[in-house]
């Protein structure tokens, strides 16, 4: 990660990770920012989705904005127009409300965890649904009320269910990006971690704030614009708003 002045971009290259972690342990005033960035980028580099999720949970996006390191007029964040998708794996109350709001005007595919675990549903189904509804902000989710998710976890095991969900979204994201997806919004720390690791970008360029604590980011030299958030962030219209910001619309 490169710590820059407020008028410069906030890019997170792996080559600077070690130096910035040292600065953290030496008491640098950017401590939480560096720790969060270090964890996030290390997770991407090592392909450890849980570590990426930890970086998001540490509040890296929020602290980048507090430090004035994101969303400046000279940021190299690259907005993207074109194909779009929204993935949601979080079961938080906020995410469930966001899905319900989105469903009023946009196509939503709700996936049963049992279908994933029993092999009746795969990432190809997700890809097909997204491509069939391009231009309509399609959303794919495994999000369920906590009680229902607990029943699924008791039936299949917590780790097995979580791993299957994360792998589904990771595989779908990779396939869609290879097919030309330009904008992707992901809700859920673990889901975001799995997707970010699967895409394998080694740097993120931080852009404008979508909601408190959640900035837009671009990766792959503008190949893809992303919004990665843990479940409880954002208002009811977060998904619509995120896609507009990723496209460069205020």
Protein backbone atom coordinates (compact mmCIF):
# COMPACT_ATOMS: atom_id res chain seq x y z
CA UNK A 1 0.00 0.00 0.00
CA UNK A 2 1.20 3.50 -0.75
CA UNK A 3 0.31 6.16 1.81
CA UNK A 4 -0.19 9.35 -0.15
CA UNK A 5 -1.34 12.90 0.32
CA UNK A 6 -5.07 13.65 0.12
CA UNK A 7 -4.73 14.90 -3.46
CA UNK A 8 -3.18 11.68 -4.69
CA UNK A 9 -4.60 8.24 -5.31
CA UNK A 10 -4.63 5.43 -2.77
CA UNK A 11 -3.20 2.35 -4.47
CA UNK A 12 -2.33 -0.83 -2.62
CA UNK A 13 0.58 -2.69 -4.28
CA UNK A 14 1.89 -5.88 -2.69
CA UNK A 15 5.47 -4.65 -2.96
CA UNK A 16 4.90 -2.09 -0.19
CA UNK A 17 3.06 -4.38 2.18
CA UNK A 18 5.99 -5.33 4.40
CA UNK A 19 7.19 -1.73 4.85
CA UNK A 20 3.79 -0.50 5.85
CA UNK A 21 3.26 -3.29 8.35
CA UNK A 22 6.55 -2.33 9.98
CA UNK A 23 5.34 1.26 10.19
CA UNK A 24 2.21 0.00 11.91
CA UNK A 25 4.17 -1.79 14.61
CA UNK A 26 6.34 1.27 15.09
CA UNK A 27 3.27 3.33 15.99
CA UNK A 28 2.63 5.13 12.73
CA UNK A 29 -0.44 7.34 13.04
CA UNK A 30 -1.93 5.53 10.04
CA UNK A 31 -1.90 2.33 12.11
CA UNK A 32 -5.36 0.96 11.49
CA UNK A 33 -5.30 2.00 7.87
CA UNK A 34 -2.02 0.19 7.26
CA UNK A 35 -3.04 -2.87 9.20
CA UNK A 36 -6.31 -3.15 7.31
CA UNK A 37 -4.64 -2.63 3.95
CA UNK A 38 -1.89 -5.08 4.83
CA UNK A 39 -4.34 -7.76 5.82
CA UNK A 40 -6.56 -7.15 2.78
CA UNK A 41 -3.75 -7.20 0.22
CA UNK A 42 -1.90 -10.06 1.89
CA UNK A 43 -5.10 -12.07 1.72
CA UNK A 44 -5.44 -11.40 -2.01
CA UNK A 45 -1.79 -12.20 -2.64
CA UNK A 46 -1.91 -15.45 -0.65
CA UNK A 47 -5.35 -16.39 -1.99
CA UNK A 48 -6.73 -16.61 1.56
CA UNK A 49 -10.31 -15.39 1.36
CA UNK A 50 -10.72 -15.33 5.14
CA UNK A 51 -7.80 -12.93 5.41
CA UNK A 52 -9.29 -10.63 2.78
CA UNK A 53 -12.53 -10.65 4.75
CA UNK A 54 -10.58 -9.70 7.87
CA UNK A 55 -9.07 -6.75 6.02
CA UNK A 56 -12.54 -5.53 5.08
CA UNK A 57 -13.80 -6.05 8.62
CA UNK A 58 -10.92 -3.98 10.01
CA UNK A 59 -12.50 -0.96 8.36
CA UNK A 60 -9.89 -0.25 5.69
CA UNK A 61 -12.35 1.62 3.43
CA UNK A 62 -13.64 3.83 6.23
CA UNK A 63 -10.15 4.66 7.47
CA UNK A 64 -8.89 5.48 3.99
CA UNK A 65 -11.60 8.10 3.73
CA UNK A 66 -11.03 9.43 7.25
CA UNK A 67 -7.37 9.87 6.40
CA UNK A 68 -8.28 11.70 3.19
CA UNK A 69 -6.62 9.05 1.06
CA UNK A 70 -9.58 8.10 -1.11
CA UNK A 71 -12.06 9.77 -3.37
CA UNK A 72 -9.96 12.84 -4.15
CA UNK A 73 -10.26 14.71 -7.40
CA UNK A 74 -6.99 13.23 -8.71
CA UNK A 75 -7.70 9.66 -7.69
CA UNK A 76 -6.76 7.12 -10.34
CA UNK A 77 -9.92 5.11 -9.64
CA UNK A 78 -11.37 4.16 -13.01
CA UNK A 79 -15.15 4.09 -13.29
CA UNK A 80 -16.57 1.47 -15.62
CA UNK A 81 -19.74 1.24 -17.64
CA UNK A 82 -21.19 -1.93 -19.07
CA UNK A 83 -22.10 -5.31 -17.70
CA UNK A 84 -22.99 -5.44 -14.02
CA UNK A 85 -23.88 -7.87 -11.22
CA UNK A 86 -24.61 -7.87 -7.51
CA UNK A 87 -23.73 -10.79 -5.21
CA UNK A 88 -24.96 -11.10 -1.62
CA UNK A 89 -23.86 -13.78 0.83
CA UNK A 90 -24.45 -11.89 4.05
CA UNK A 91 -27.36 -12.77 6.32
CA UNK A 92 -27.27 -9.46 8.21
CA UNK A 93 -30.48 -7.55 8.73
CA UNK A 94 -29.15 -4.68 6.62
CA UNK A 95 -28.34 -6.92 3.66
CA UNK A 96 -31.70 -8.67 3.81
CA UNK A 97 -33.40 -5.24 3.69
CA UNK A 98 -31.19 -4.19 0.77
CA UNK A 99 -32.12 -7.33 -1.17
CA UNK A 100 -35.84 -6.77 -0.54
CA UNK A 101 -35.52 -3.15 -1.70
CA UNK A 102 -33.58 -4.14 -4.83
CA UNK A 103 -36.12 -6.80 -5.71
CA UNK A 104 -38.85 -4.19 -6.28
CA UNK A 105 -37.27 -3.03 -9.55
CA UNK A 106 -34.57 -5.54 -10.47
CA UNK A 107 -34.29 -9.30 -11.10
CA UNK A 108 -33.16 -11.29 -8.08
CA UNK A 109 -32.12 -14.93 -7.96
CA UNK A 110 -32.43 -16.44 -4.47
CA UNK A 111 -30.36 -19.59 -4.11
CA UNK A 112 -31.17 -22.26 -1.56
CA UNK A 113 -28.09 -23.44 0.30
CA UNK A 114 -29.42 -26.99 0.08
CA UNK A 115 -29.35 -26.79 -3.73
CA UNK A 116 -25.67 -25.82 -3.64
CA UNK A 117 -24.79 -28.54 -1.16
CA UNK A 118 -26.74 -31.22 -3.04
CA UNK A 119 -25.12 -30.31 -6.36
CA UNK A 120 -28.32 -29.07 -7.96
CA UNK A 121 -26.97 -25.56 -8.47
CA UNK A 122 -23.59 -24.33 -9.72
CA UNK A 123 -21.76 -21.18 -10.72
CA UNK A 124 -22.91 -21.75 -14.30
CA UNK A 125 -26.48 -21.07 -13.17
CA UNK A 126 -25.34 -17.77 -11.68
CA UNK A 127 -23.48 -16.78 -14.85
CA UNK A 128 -26.46 -17.64 -17.02
CA UNK A 129 -28.87 -15.61 -14.85
CA UNK A 130 -26.60 -12.55 -14.81
CA UNK A 131 -26.05 -12.63 -18.56
CA UNK A 132 -29.76 -13.04 -19.26
CA UNK A 133 -30.55 -9.90 -17.26
CA UNK A 134 -27.79 -7.53 -18.32
CA UNK A 135 -28.68 -3.87 -17.99
CA UNK A 136 -31.18 -4.64 -15.23
CA UNK A 137 -28.78 -4.80 -12.24
CA UNK A 138 -29.27 -8.54 -11.58
CA UNK A 139 -28.71 -9.69 -8.03
CA UNK A 140 -27.80 -13.22 -6.92
CA UNK A 141 -28.01 -14.08 -3.24
CA UNK A 142 -27.75 -16.92 -0.77
CA UNK A 143 -28.77 -14.60 2.06
CA UNK A 144 -31.38 -16.04 4.38
CA UNK A 145 -32.84 -15.09 7.76
CA UNK A 146 -30.45 -16.16 10.55
CA UNK A 147 -32.74 -18.94 11.81
CA UNK A 148 -32.92 -20.55 8.38
CA UNK A 149 -29.18 -20.28 7.89
CA UNK A 150 -28.58 -21.91 11.26
CA UNK A 151 -30.74 -24.86 10.17
CA UNK A 152 -28.66 -25.22 7.03
CA UNK A 153 -25.46 -25.08 9.06
CA UNK A 154 -26.75 -27.75 11.43
CA UNK A 155 -27.65 -29.95 8.48
CA UNK A 156 -24.46 -29.56 6.46
CA UNK A 157 -21.94 -28.16 8.94
CA UNK A 158 -20.90 -24.53 9.38
CA UNK A 159 -17.61 -24.80 7.50
CA UNK A 160 -18.96 -26.91 4.65
CA UNK A 161 -21.92 -24.59 4.00
CA UNK A 162 -19.80 -21.44 4.15
CA UNK A 163 -17.11 -22.89 1.89
CA UNK A 164 -19.65 -24.00 -0.72
CA UNK A 165 -21.31 -20.56 -0.81
CA UNK A 166 -18.00 -18.72 -1.08
CA UNK A 167 -16.77 -21.03 -3.83
CA UNK A 168 -19.98 -20.56 -5.80
CA UNK A 169 -19.61 -16.77 -5.83
CA UNK A 170 -15.86 -16.91 -6.42
CA UNK A 171 -16.24 -19.16 -9.46
CA UNK A 172 -19.14 -17.11 -10.83
CA UNK A 173 -17.25 -13.83 -10.42
CA UNK A 174 -14.18 -15.17 -12.18
CA UNK A 175 -16.24 -16.49 -15.10
CA UNK A 176 -18.24 -13.29 -15.46
CA UNK A 177 -15.15 -11.06 -15.43
CA UNK A 178 -13.55 -13.27 -18.07
CA UNK A 179 -16.71 -12.74 -20.14
CA UNK A 180 -16.56 -8.97 -19.83
CA UNK A 181 -18.26 -8.02 -16.56
CA UNK A 182 -17.33 -4.40 -15.71
CA UNK A 183 -19.09 -3.65 -12.42
CA UNK A 184 -19.49 -5.94 -9.43
CA UNK A 185 -21.01 -5.27 -6.01
CA UNK A 186 -20.48 -7.85 -3.27
CA UNK A 187 -22.19 -7.88 0.14
CA UNK A 188 -20.70 -9.97 2.94
CA UNK A 189 -17.19 -9.97 4.33
CA UNK A 190 -16.47 -13.63 3.65
CA UNK A 191 -18.16 -13.48 0.26
CA UNK A 192 -16.14 -10.37 -0.65
CA UNK A 193 -12.98 -12.13 0.47
CA UNK A 194 -13.67 -15.17 -1.67
CA UNK A 195 -14.45 -13.07 -4.73
CA UNK A 196 -11.43 -10.78 -4.32
CA UNK A 197 -9.11 -13.77 -3.89
CA UNK A 198 -10.54 -15.53 -6.93
CA UNK A 199 -10.07 -12.46 -9.13
CA UNK A 200 -6.45 -12.23 -8.03
CA UNK A 201 -5.79 -8.52 -8.55
CA UNK A 202 -2.59 -7.34 -6.86
CA UNK A 203 -3.66 -3.71 -6.39
CA UNK A 204 -6.82 -1.77 -5.66
CA UNK A 205 -7.36 1.88 -6.56
CA UNK A 206 -9.63 3.59 -4.07
CA UNK A 207 -12.36 5.84 -5.44
CA UNK A 208 -15.38 7.81 -4.21
CA UNK A 209 -17.35 6.77 -1.17
CA UNK A 210 -20.59 4.92 -1.87
CA UNK A 211 -21.77 4.80 1.74
CA UNK A 212 -20.00 5.50 5.04
CA UNK A 213 -17.11 3.06 5.20
CA UNK A 214 -17.55 1.68 1.67
CA UNK A 215 -15.61 3.22 -1.24
CA UNK A 216 -15.67 2.23 -4.85
CA UNK A 217 -12.46 0.51 -5.97
CA UNK A 218 -11.06 -0.37 -9.36
CA UNK A 219 -8.66 -3.12 -10.28
CA UNK A 220 -6.82 -4.53 -13.24
CA UNK A 221 -5.98 -1.08 -14.65
CA UNK A 222 -9.64 -0.21 -14.94
CA UNK A 223 -10.73 -3.65 -16.10
CA UNK A 224 -13.24 -3.91 -13.25
CA UNK A 225 -14.94 -1.54 -10.79
CA UNK A 226 -15.94 -3.07 -7.48
CA UNK A 227 -17.77 -2.39 -4.25
CA UNK A 228 -16.87 -4.80 -1.42
CA UNK A 229 -18.67 -4.47 1.90
CA UNK A 230 -19.43 -6.34 5.05
CA UNK A 231 -23.10 -7.02 5.58
CA UNK A 232 -24.18 -4.19 7.86
CA UNK A 233 -22.96 -1.27 5.74
CA UNK A 234 -25.15 0.92 3.56
CA UNK A 235 -28.78 1.98 3.33
CA UNK A 236 -31.69 0.17 1.67
CA UNK A 237 -30.77 1.42 -1.83
CA UNK A 238 -27.09 0.53 -1.49
CA UNK A 239 -26.93 -1.80 -4.49
CA UNK A 240 -28.43 0.67 -6.94
CA UNK A 241 -26.29 3.47 -5.59
CA UNK A 242 -23.13 1.36 -5.74
CA UNK A 243 -23.64 0.46 -9.39
CA UNK A 244 -24.13 4.13 -10.27
CA UNK A 245 -20.98 5.20 -8.44
CA UNK A 246 -18.98 2.41 -10.09
CA UNK A 247 -20.19 3.75 -13.43
CA UNK A 248 -19.07 7.26 -12.54
CA UNK A 249 -22.55 8.69 -11.84
CA UNK A 250 -22.66 10.88 -8.71
